[in-house]
Protein backbone atom coordinates (compact mmCIF):
# COMPACT_ATOMS: atom_id res chain seq x y z
CA THR A 1 -33.50 20.57 8.83
CA SER A 2 -32.32 23.47 11.61
CA PRO A 3 -34.06 26.89 11.15
CA VAL A 4 -30.80 27.88 12.29
CA PRO A 5 -27.67 27.07 10.22
CA ASN A 6 -25.11 24.63 11.79
CA GLU A 7 -21.46 25.36 11.17
CA VAL A 8 -18.21 24.54 11.36
CA ARG A 9 -15.98 27.16 12.92
CA LEU A 10 -12.42 28.02 12.31
CA GLN A 11 -9.21 29.95 13.98
CA HIS A 12 -5.96 30.69 12.71
CA LEU A 13 -3.74 31.28 15.00
CA SER A 14 -0.11 32.68 14.77
CA ALA A 15 3.06 31.61 16.67
CA ASP A 16 2.52 33.78 19.41
CA GLY A 17 -1.07 32.95 19.67
CA ASP A 18 -2.63 36.03 18.27
CA LEU A 19 -5.86 35.31 16.43
CA LEU A 20 -5.78 36.36 12.69
CA TRP A 21 -9.39 35.45 11.42
CA GLY A 22 -12.70 37.22 12.07
CA GLY A 23 -11.10 40.83 13.28
CA GLY A 24 -9.33 38.39 16.33
CA SER A 25 -13.03 37.40 17.64
CA LEU A 26 -13.02 34.38 19.95
CA CYS A 27 -16.01 32.92 17.78
CA GLY A 28 -13.39 33.06 14.29
CA ILE A 29 -14.90 32.16 11.46
CA THR A 30 -17.70 30.27 9.36
CA GLY A 31 -15.92 27.40 7.50
CA VAL A 32 -19.26 26.03 6.16
CA THR A 33 -22.69 26.51 7.08
CA SER A 34 -26.35 24.29 6.46
CA LEU A 35 -29.76 24.07 7.44
CA ASP A 36 -28.56 20.63 7.97
CA SER A 37 -26.71 18.61 10.68
CA ILE A 38 -23.02 18.38 10.46
CA PHE A 39 -20.86 15.39 11.33
CA ASN A 40 -17.25 14.12 10.92
CA HIS A 41 -15.33 17.26 10.42
CA GLY A 42 -11.53 16.96 9.27
CA VAL A 43 -9.12 19.77 8.00
CA LEU A 44 -5.97 19.17 5.78
CA ALA A 45 -3.05 22.25 5.52
CA ASP A 46 -2.83 23.20 1.88
CA GLY A 47 0.67 24.51 2.19
CA ASN A 48 -0.50 28.03 1.08
CA GLY A 49 -1.54 28.99 4.53
CA GLY A 50 -5.01 27.87 3.86
CA LEU A 51 -6.90 24.28 4.35
CA PHE A 52 -8.87 21.99 3.01
CA LEU A 53 -12.18 20.79 5.09
CA SER A 54 -14.32 17.84 4.75
CA TYR A 55 -17.65 16.84 6.49
CA ASP A 56 -20.49 14.81 6.40
CA GLU A 57 -23.82 16.42 5.68
CA PHE A 58 -27.24 14.74 6.97
CA ALA A 59 -29.46 14.72 3.63
CA GLY A 60 -32.40 14.36 5.53
CA ASN A 61 -34.11 11.59 3.59
CA ASP A 62 -36.06 8.24 5.08
CA THR A 63 -32.73 6.08 4.11
CA GLY A 64 -30.04 7.85 6.49
CA GLY A 65 -28.47 10.10 3.90
CA LEU A 66 -25.58 11.41 5.07
CA ASN A 67 -23.70 13.03 2.24
CA VAL A 68 -19.73 13.82 1.95
CA ARG A 69 -19.13 17.68 1.22
CA ALA A 70 -15.33 19.62 1.23
CA ALA A 71 -14.23 22.96 1.15
CA ARG A 72 -11.34 25.02 0.75
CA LEU A 73 -10.18 28.31 2.53
CA ASP A 74 -6.94 30.41 1.93
CA ALA A 75 -4.83 31.68 3.89
CA ARG A 76 -7.60 34.80 4.83
CA GLY A 77 -10.40 32.23 5.31
CA ALA A 78 -12.43 33.17 2.34
CA PRO A 79 -13.87 30.35 0.50
CA MET A 80 -12.23 28.90 -2.42
CA TRP A 81 -14.50 26.38 -3.56
CA GLY A 82 -18.08 27.09 -3.57
CA THR A 83 -20.08 29.26 -1.35
CA GLY A 84 -20.61 28.76 2.08
CA ASN A 85 -20.96 25.34 1.99
CA GLY A 86 -17.99 24.17 -0.12
CA ILE A 87 -18.50 21.34 -2.70
CA MET A 88 -20.36 17.96 -2.92
CA VAL A 89 -18.21 15.24 -2.81
CA CYS A 90 -20.71 12.08 -2.47
CA SER A 91 -24.62 11.85 -2.25
CA ARG A 92 -25.08 8.37 -3.27
CA PRO A 93 -28.06 6.58 -1.10
CA LEU A 94 -28.08 6.03 2.33
CA ASP A 95 -24.82 7.22 4.56
CA GLN A 96 -21.12 7.87 3.69
CA PHE A 97 -18.98 8.57 6.94
CA ALA A 98 -16.18 10.29 6.07
CA ASN A 99 -12.57 10.45 7.49
CA ALA A 100 -10.36 13.66 7.15
CA PRO A 101 -8.82 14.37 3.91
CA LEU A 102 -5.01 13.64 3.10
CA PRO A 103 -2.76 14.61 0.41
CA ASP A 104 -2.54 13.98 -3.22
CA GLY A 105 0.98 15.06 -3.92
CA GLU A 106 -0.08 17.32 -6.50
CA GLY A 107 -1.92 20.13 -4.41
CA GLY A 108 -5.23 18.37 -4.47
CA ILE A 109 -6.36 16.18 -1.81
CA LEU A 110 -7.65 12.18 -1.57
CA LEU A 111 -10.76 11.94 0.70
CA PHE A 112 -12.07 7.95 2.17
CA TRP A 113 -15.23 7.26 3.50
CA TYR A 114 -17.31 4.41 4.89
CA SER A 115 -19.80 3.73 2.35
CA ARG A 116 -23.67 1.78 3.50
CA HIS A 117 -24.26 0.58 -0.16
CA SER A 118 -27.15 -1.00 1.43
CA PRO A 119 -29.73 -1.34 4.24
CA ASP A 120 -28.30 -5.21 5.21
CA PHE A 121 -24.87 -3.64 5.81
CA PHE A 122 -23.13 -5.14 2.48
CA ASP A 123 -20.54 -1.83 3.25
CA TYR A 124 -17.80 -0.69 1.21
CA VAL A 125 -14.50 1.91 1.23
CA GLY A 126 -15.40 4.67 -1.55
CA GLY A 127 -13.24 7.47 -2.05
CA GLN A 128 -12.69 10.81 -4.50
CA ARG A 129 -9.54 12.52 -4.90
CA LEU A 130 -10.05 16.27 -5.68
CA ASP A 131 -7.38 18.72 -7.75
CA GLU A 132 -6.33 22.15 -6.24
CA ASN A 133 -9.84 23.54 -8.46
CA GLY A 134 -12.07 21.03 -6.46
CA ASN A 135 -12.49 18.96 -9.98
CA ALA A 136 -13.21 15.25 -8.91
CA LEU A 137 -10.39 13.23 -10.78
CA TRP A 138 -12.24 9.87 -10.33
CA THR A 139 -15.75 8.35 -11.02
CA PRO A 140 -18.30 11.12 -10.40
CA ASN A 141 -20.08 10.51 -7.10
CA GLY A 142 -17.27 8.61 -5.35
CA ALA A 143 -15.52 5.77 -6.70
CA GLN A 144 -15.76 2.21 -4.75
CA VAL A 145 -12.13 1.82 -3.86
CA LEU A 146 -12.17 -1.47 -2.20
CA PRO A 147 -14.65 -4.46 -2.22
CA LEU A 148 -17.93 -4.82 -0.64
CA SER A 149 -17.78 -6.16 2.96
CA ASN A 150 -14.94 -4.14 3.82
CA TYR A 151 -15.57 -1.59 6.73
CA LEU A 152 -13.07 1.39 7.58
CA SER A 153 -11.19 1.80 9.85
CA ASP A 154 -8.53 4.23 9.73
CA VAL A 155 -6.62 5.89 6.37
CA MET A 156 -3.46 7.55 6.28
CA SER A 157 -0.74 9.06 3.86
CA ASP A 158 1.41 6.85 2.49
CA GLY A 159 4.21 9.95 1.45
CA GLU A 160 3.73 9.52 -1.94
CA GLY A 161 0.47 11.09 -3.03
CA GLY A 162 -1.47 7.12 -1.99
CA ALA A 163 -2.79 6.31 0.89
CA TRP A 164 -2.84 3.03 3.69
CA ILE A 165 -6.08 2.03 4.62
CA SER A 166 -7.10 -0.14 7.34
CA VAL A 167 -10.31 -1.96 7.16
CA TRP A 168 -12.12 -5.25 9.31
CA GLN A 169 -13.85 -8.05 7.87
CA TRP A 170 -16.38 -10.49 9.27
CA GLY A 171 -13.94 -13.72 9.10
CA ASP A 172 -14.52 -15.84 12.56
CA ASP A 173 -15.75 -12.50 14.05
CA ARG A 174 -13.61 -9.51 13.35
CA ASP A 175 -10.77 -9.51 11.56
CA ASN A 176 -7.98 -7.05 10.26
CA TYR A 177 -6.83 -6.21 7.10
CA LEU A 178 -4.50 -3.41 5.07
CA GLN A 179 -4.35 -2.28 1.70
CA ARG A 180 -2.47 0.58 -0.22
CA VAL A 181 -4.18 2.66 -3.06
CA THR A 182 -2.32 5.45 -5.03
CA ASN A 183 -3.58 8.67 -5.98
CA ASP A 184 -5.22 6.97 -9.44
CA ALA A 185 -7.55 4.70 -7.02
CA VAL A 186 -5.40 1.68 -7.83
CA PRO A 187 -4.89 -0.78 -5.14
CA VAL A 188 -0.77 -1.65 -4.90
CA TYR A 189 -1.05 -5.23 -3.93
CA ASP A 190 -3.29 -7.87 -5.34
CA GLU A 191 -4.54 -9.42 -2.15
CA MET A 192 -5.45 -7.59 0.83
CA ILE A 193 -2.69 -7.66 3.60
CA PRO A 194 -3.97 -9.75 6.64
CA ILE A 195 -3.19 -8.06 9.84
CA SER A 196 -4.91 -10.25 12.70
CA LEU A 197 -7.14 -13.17 11.60
CA ALA A 198 -6.54 -14.21 15.36
CA PRO A 199 -9.78 -15.83 17.31
CA ASN A 200 -12.57 -13.25 18.05
CA ARG A 201 -12.79 -9.77 17.55
CA GLN A 202 -9.98 -7.27 16.28
CA TYR A 203 -11.26 -4.17 14.82
CA GLY A 204 -11.04 -0.63 14.41
CA ALA A 205 -7.21 -0.92 13.84
CA GLY A 206 -5.64 3.08 13.72
CA LEU A 207 -2.33 4.08 11.85
CA ALA A 208 0.71 6.02 12.60
CA SER A 209 3.59 6.41 10.15
CA ASP A 210 6.63 4.17 11.14
CA GLY A 211 9.12 7.30 9.41
CA ALA A 212 10.04 5.03 6.40
CA GLY A 213 7.07 4.41 4.12
CA GLY A 214 5.62 1.63 6.23
CA CYS A 215 3.06 2.38 8.84
CA ILE A 216 1.83 1.34 12.22
CA LEU A 217 -1.71 -0.24 12.96
CA VAL A 218 -2.99 -0.55 16.75
CA TRP A 219 -6.36 -2.10 17.84
CA THR A 220 -8.61 -3.27 19.96
CA ASP A 221 -8.29 -6.76 20.36
CA TRP A 222 -10.36 -9.88 22.16
CA ARG A 223 -8.79 -12.89 21.53
CA ASN A 224 -7.95 -13.39 25.29
CA GLY A 225 -11.36 -13.34 26.56
CA GLY A 226 -14.04 -11.32 24.74
CA ALA A 227 -15.43 -8.15 25.59
CA MET A 228 -14.66 -8.17 29.39
CA GLU A 229 -11.15 -8.60 28.49
CA GLN A 230 -10.13 -6.38 25.74
CA ASP A 231 -6.27 -5.83 25.33
CA ILE A 232 -4.55 -4.14 22.50
CA TYR A 233 -2.40 -5.40 20.28
CA PHE A 234 -0.08 -3.75 17.24
CA GLN A 235 1.87 -4.85 13.76
CA HIS A 236 4.23 -3.17 11.72
CA VAL A 237 4.26 -3.32 7.82
CA ASP A 238 6.97 -1.91 5.88
CA ALA A 239 7.18 0.62 2.82
CA ALA A 240 6.86 -2.73 0.32
CA GLY A 241 4.01 -4.34 2.42
CA GLN A 242 5.81 -7.32 4.38
CA VAL A 243 4.50 -7.82 8.11
CA LEU A 244 7.52 -7.61 10.36
CA GLU A 245 5.62 -8.47 14.15
CA GLN A 246 4.59 -12.00 15.02
CA VAL A 247 1.73 -13.47 13.05
CA ASP A 248 -1.47 -11.17 14.09
CA GLY A 249 0.24 -8.95 15.90
CA ALA A 250 2.16 -8.51 19.01
CA PRO A 251 0.60 -7.50 22.55
CA VAL A 252 0.93 -3.57 23.71
CA THR A 253 -1.20 -5.05 27.30
CA THR A 254 -2.91 -7.94 28.04
CA GLU A 255 -3.36 -6.66 31.48
CA PRO A 256 -6.71 -8.11 32.95
CA GLU A 257 -10.12 -6.79 32.22
CA ILE A 258 -10.54 -4.33 29.70
CA GLN A 259 -7.80 -2.33 28.47
CA GLY A 260 -8.51 -1.35 24.42
CA ALA A 261 -11.38 0.65 24.87
CA ASP A 262 -9.71 3.67 24.82
CA TRP A 263 -6.77 4.37 22.98
CA ALA A 264 -4.74 7.22 20.91
CA ILE A 265 -1.88 6.48 18.58
CA THR A 266 0.83 9.15 17.07
CA SER A 267 4.41 8.92 15.50
CA ASP A 268 7.16 10.17 17.60
CA GLY A 269 8.65 11.55 14.52
CA ASN A 270 11.86 9.30 14.50
CA GLY A 271 10.97 6.35 13.73
CA ALA A 272 8.37 4.99 16.85
CA THR A 273 5.05 5.31 17.65
CA PHE A 274 3.63 6.02 20.92
CA VAL A 275 0.07 4.56 22.47
CA VAL A 276 -1.82 5.74 24.67
CA TRP A 277 -4.34 3.97 26.58
CA ASP A 278 -6.79 3.73 29.43
CA ASN A 279 -6.36 1.24 31.91
CA ASN A 280 -8.96 -0.16 34.04
CA SER A 281 -6.60 -2.77 36.34
CA PRO A 282 -4.89 -3.55 38.43
CA PHE A 283 -5.98 0.05 39.24
CA ASP A 284 -7.51 3.31 36.98
CA GLY A 285 -4.96 5.46 35.02
CA ILE A 286 -3.47 6.58 31.49
CA PHE A 287 -0.50 4.62 30.40
CA ALA A 288 1.66 4.89 27.04
CA GLU A 289 4.24 2.67 25.34
CA ARG A 290 6.62 3.60 22.83
CA LEU A 291 6.61 1.09 19.98
CA PRO A 292 9.45 -0.10 17.90
CA CYS A 293 9.64 0.27 14.34
CA SER A 294 11.70 1.47 12.08
CA ASP A 295 15.85 1.78 12.54
CA PRO A 296 16.00 5.48 13.67
CA ALA A 297 19.46 5.36 11.74
CA ASP A 298 17.28 5.36 8.72
CA VAL A 299 14.65 8.41 9.46
CA GLY A 300 16.15 11.56 9.26
CA GLU A 301 17.23 14.10 12.28
CA LEU A 302 13.95 14.50 14.70
CA ALA A 303 12.93 18.17 13.72
CA VAL A 304 11.04 18.63 16.74
CA GLN A 305 13.30 19.01 19.81
CA MET A 306 12.24 17.49 23.29
CA ASN A 307 12.37 19.84 26.32
CA PRO A 308 14.15 18.13 28.73
CA GLY A 309 12.05 16.53 31.71
CA LEU A 310 12.40 14.03 34.14
CA ARG A 311 12.21 10.16 32.96
CA ILE A 312 10.99 7.20 34.95
CA SER A 313 10.96 3.70 33.65
CA PRO A 314 9.27 1.62 34.37
CA ASN A 315 6.28 3.52 35.18
CA PRO A 316 3.81 1.96 36.85
CA PHE A 317 7.05 0.56 39.16
CA PRO A 318 6.35 -2.83 40.62
CA PRO A 319 9.24 -3.32 43.15
CA ALA A 320 9.11 -7.21 43.02
CA HIS A 321 10.53 -7.52 39.47
CA GLY A 322 12.87 -4.52 40.02
CA THR A 323 13.99 -1.04 40.18
CA ALA A 324 12.91 1.99 38.53
CA ARG A 325 15.40 4.11 36.80
CA ILE A 326 15.01 7.94 36.99
CA ASP A 327 17.17 10.31 34.84
CA LEU A 328 16.70 13.57 32.62
CA SER A 329 15.72 13.17 29.01
CA GLY A 330 15.21 15.23 25.66
CA VAL A 331 17.45 18.07 24.44
CA VAL A 332 19.76 19.83 27.14
CA ALA A 333 22.00 22.81 26.02
CA THR A 334 24.55 21.82 28.49
CA ASP A 335 25.23 18.91 30.72
CA SER A 336 22.83 19.15 34.00
CA PRO A 337 24.10 17.17 36.59
CA ILE A 338 21.60 15.82 38.79
CA GLU A 339 22.74 16.62 42.89
CA ARG A 340 19.82 15.07 44.00
CA ILE A 341 16.70 12.69 43.46
CA GLU A 342 13.97 13.72 46.04
CA ILE A 343 10.65 10.96 46.43
CA PHE A 344 7.15 12.12 48.34
CA ASP A 345 4.12 10.42 48.95
CA ILE A 346 0.88 12.23 47.76
CA GLY A 347 0.51 13.82 51.30
CA GLY A 348 4.30 15.91 50.75
CA ARG A 349 6.12 14.19 53.46
CA ARG A 350 9.80 13.11 51.80
CA LEU A 351 10.35 9.32 52.36
CA GLU A 352 13.61 9.33 50.37
CA THR A 353 16.42 11.30 49.16
CA LEU A 354 18.63 9.89 46.60
CA GLU A 355 22.48 12.03 46.25
CA PRO A 356 25.75 10.57 44.46
CA SER A 357 27.48 9.74 47.65
CA ARG A 358 25.14 7.16 48.63
CA GLN A 359 24.66 5.46 44.91
CA ALA A 360 26.44 2.24 44.92
CA SER A 361 29.58 1.21 42.74
CA PRO A 362 29.08 -0.59 39.10
CA THR A 363 30.53 -3.65 40.87
CA SER A 364 28.02 -3.44 43.70
CA ARG A 365 25.10 -2.52 41.61
CA GLY A 366 21.65 -4.21 42.89
CA SER A 367 23.35 -5.87 46.29
CA ALA A 368 21.16 -3.65 48.41
CA SER A 369 18.04 -5.82 48.90
CA PRO A 370 14.48 -3.94 49.75
CA GLY A 371 13.54 -3.77 53.49
CA SER A 372 17.56 -4.33 53.89
CA GLY A 373 17.98 -0.89 55.70
CA SER A 374 20.89 -0.20 53.36
CA SER A 375 20.51 2.97 50.97
CA GLY A 376 17.39 1.84 48.20
CA SER A 377 19.13 3.67 45.70
CA THR A 378 22.35 2.27 43.33
CA SER A 379 24.15 3.44 40.43
CA ALA A 380 23.36 2.85 36.64
CA GLY A 381 27.01 3.60 35.53
CA SER A 382 29.01 5.59 37.99
CA ALA A 383 29.26 7.30 41.15
CA SER A 384 29.30 10.75 39.68
CA PRO A 385 26.15 12.47 39.27
CA GLY A 386 23.36 11.23 36.88
CA SER A 387 23.13 13.63 33.86
CA ALA A 388 20.58 14.02 31.27
CA SER A 389 23.86 12.67 28.91
CA GLY A 390 24.90 10.51 31.18
CA SER A 391 24.16 7.88 34.46
CA SER A 392 21.20 7.74 35.87
CA PHE A 393 19.71 6.73 39.60
CA VAL A 394 17.88 3.98 40.56
CA TRP A 395 15.09 3.32 43.22
CA ASP A 396 14.31 0.00 44.55
CA GLY A 397 10.54 1.23 46.44
CA THR A 398 11.93 1.49 49.60
CA ASP A 399 11.82 4.89 52.22
CA ARG A 400 14.65 5.73 53.90
CA GLU A 401 14.40 3.58 56.52
CA GLY A 402 14.80 0.97 54.14
CA HIS A 403 11.07 0.03 54.51
CA ALA A 404 9.29 -0.84 51.40
CA VAL A 405 6.49 1.94 50.47
CA PRO A 406 2.54 0.93 49.60
CA SER A 407 1.09 0.76 46.18
CA GLY A 408 0.07 3.83 45.63
CA VAL A 409 1.07 7.51 43.13
CA TYR A 410 4.62 9.40 44.74
CA LYS A 411 5.98 12.65 43.51
CA VAL A 412 9.24 12.18 42.20
CA ARG A 413 11.98 15.59 42.16
CA ALA A 414 15.31 15.84 40.34
CA ILE A 415 17.65 19.29 41.15
CA THR A 416 20.31 20.54 39.44
CA GLU A 417 22.30 23.24 40.06
CA SER A 418 19.72 25.80 37.99
CA ARG A 419 16.40 23.76 37.69
CA THR A 420 13.79 21.50 39.21
CA PHE A 421 12.33 18.55 37.24
CA GLY A 422 9.05 16.89 38.80
CA GLY A 423 6.98 14.08 38.04
CA SER A 424 5.27 11.28 39.29
CA ILE A 425 5.77 7.04 39.68
CA ILE A 426 2.94 4.48 40.55
CA VAL A 427 4.34 1.81 42.70
CA THR A 428 2.20 -1.44 42.02
CA ARG A 429 2.61 -4.34 44.88
């Protein structure tokens, strides 16, 4: 217990960035306050301009004692449940580690937590459903949603008022499983869906929507060498609970050393999932991959239009394995031909200029070999200027003299009649 209250503070920003709560104060407003420590807070829009807020509060007892609490604030930031610290959701002995709230499909929320059932860590997934007024609709003080020895990794709305729940269990080491529950806390599948039972550890599977009622799971995987060879794997499960990728998951990255320590996933809103991770080999960096999932033809039109930008693939680029494609991506109001591509080293020296006049015809595509002294570029479609909607440029990793550039980071600039687009490419040899 602290003599100074702990707070979760909130602010509401308009579309123009104006501060709407707290009289425009940079400190915003107090969402909840407690004389005990506050952890793991999460928020969910309530659809009426306000929000739901969940958090863990340290109860200060000798056995740990993290309790789950929740609050609701209206569009003005005024509390709707309880007073300054919301309402109690679960106060069982030992610890409850809550996830962010999910919609229940009827104006309320679902809350799930990792419940430490005993000091010996026979844990389970607990949960509660609260209606729009904060009334508990499941077992008072929370229900046991999944059996003992299921350790919560992530939760995600199933789009129908229920939830996908990702867990790991002790198997030969740690294994990933998946379950789906309704908003009445009823498991959809008689048995947990095995996601990965490969040797060594697979755990912490995060969830993202596939845009068609199913989910993508991404996790840290030790199957290829243990703690010093951590990789990233994924699995796709459709709305019917069918596993679509290879048994035990498909690799996202299996580069040497540790790749799976820090990663994040998000749906692209159009039937696929982006994974971003911190790479440790062969050099440090941040990498991304777009995972295949549902057929985009089965998904509604992308609601958020991406701004046009420079697209380089593959990136990092290993010249020994081919060429790098450079073009524009995103939605362009009018066709915007690329007049030329310029490539610079990190010191700002221009190493190569790719122009349509130097692009080979389709019949001779790929005839210029690296280091041959000829143009290090070919056309990916025609000899006309590349554009956001048509052809693209390719680069084989050589400078204007035909010499192979060394490994490193290079700046790329695409110039059109009205705009210039910039980016970077990493060359690996």
